[in-house]
């Protein structure tokens, strides 16, 4: 696997799938819309793989969201 650096081509691929919506929900905010990332199976898998690589061996037992 590639090391976790900004040179990792997966990071570039992921960034190209995140849509930026300027001035939403109000002027001055640059909203980062990840729905376009979620719709791309390869980019989404790369995102998950990078998280796993970054946190593997950190003794994380639970990941929760709301």
Protein backbone atom coordinates (compact mmCIF):
# COMPACT_ATOMS: atom_id res chain seq x y z
CA UNK A 1 0.00 0.00 0.00
CA UNK A 2 1.03 3.59 -0.52
CA UNK A 3 2.27 5.52 2.46
CA UNK A 4 -0.01 8.17 3.86
CA UNK A 5 1.49 11.25 2.26
CA UNK A 6 0.10 14.04 0.15
CA UNK A 7 1.90 12.35 -2.76
CA UNK A 8 -0.49 9.38 -2.50
CA UNK A 9 -2.46 9.33 -5.77
CA UNK A 10 -5.55 8.15 -3.89
CA UNK A 11 -5.69 11.48 -2.04
CA UNK A 12 -5.68 13.40 -5.31
CA UNK A 13 -8.44 11.13 -6.66
CA UNK A 14 -10.55 11.68 -3.55
CA UNK A 15 -10.09 15.45 -3.68
CA UNK A 16 -11.32 15.55 -7.28
CA UNK A 17 -14.56 13.86 -6.20
CA UNK A 18 -15.42 16.41 -3.48
CA UNK A 19 -17.58 19.18 -4.92
CA UNK A 20 -17.03 22.67 -3.52
CA UNK A 21 -20.13 24.87 -3.31
CA UNK A 22 -19.06 28.48 -2.71
CA UNK A 23 -21.12 30.74 -0.46
CA UNK A 24 -23.31 27.95 0.91
CA UNK A 25 -25.17 28.09 3.21
CA UNK A 26 -24.12 31.72 3.52
CA UNK A 27 -21.57 34.08 1.96
CA UNK A 28 -17.98 33.24 2.78
CA UNK A 29 -18.57 29.52 3.43
CA UNK A 30 -16.97 26.98 1.07
CA UNK A 31 -19.22 23.93 1.55
CA UNK A 32 -17.49 20.61 0.83
CA UNK A 33 -20.12 18.28 -0.68
CA UNK A 34 -19.08 14.63 -0.35
CA UNK A 35 -22.13 13.13 -2.09
CA UNK A 36 -20.14 13.02 -5.33
CA UNK A 37 -17.43 11.07 -3.47
CA UNK A 38 -19.96 8.61 -2.06
CA UNK A 39 -21.32 7.93 -5.55
CA UNK A 40 -17.89 6.88 -6.88
CA UNK A 41 -17.14 3.31 -5.69
CA UNK A 42 -13.36 3.53 -6.23
CA UNK A 43 -12.96 6.92 -4.56
CA UNK A 44 -15.16 5.81 -1.65
CA UNK A 45 -13.14 2.59 -1.22
CA UNK A 46 -9.89 4.58 -1.35
CA UNK A 47 -11.26 6.86 1.39
CA UNK A 48 -12.09 3.90 3.63
CA UNK A 49 -8.72 2.25 2.91
CA UNK A 50 -6.86 5.44 3.87
CA UNK A 51 -8.77 5.66 7.16
CA UNK A 52 -7.97 2.02 7.92
CA UNK A 53 -4.28 2.51 7.13
CA UNK A 54 -4.10 5.67 9.22
CA UNK A 55 -5.75 4.24 12.33
CA UNK A 56 -4.69 0.58 12.15
CA UNK A 57 -2.91 -0.45 15.33
CA UNK A 58 -4.33 2.48 17.34
CA UNK A 59 -6.49 0.18 19.52
CA UNK A 60 -9.75 1.74 18.32
CA UNK A 61 -12.57 -0.64 19.19
CA UNK A 62 -15.65 1.39 18.23
CA UNK A 63 -16.48 4.06 15.66
CA UNK A 64 -19.81 5.82 16.19
CA UNK A 65 -21.71 8.55 14.44
CA UNK A 66 -24.89 10.48 14.83
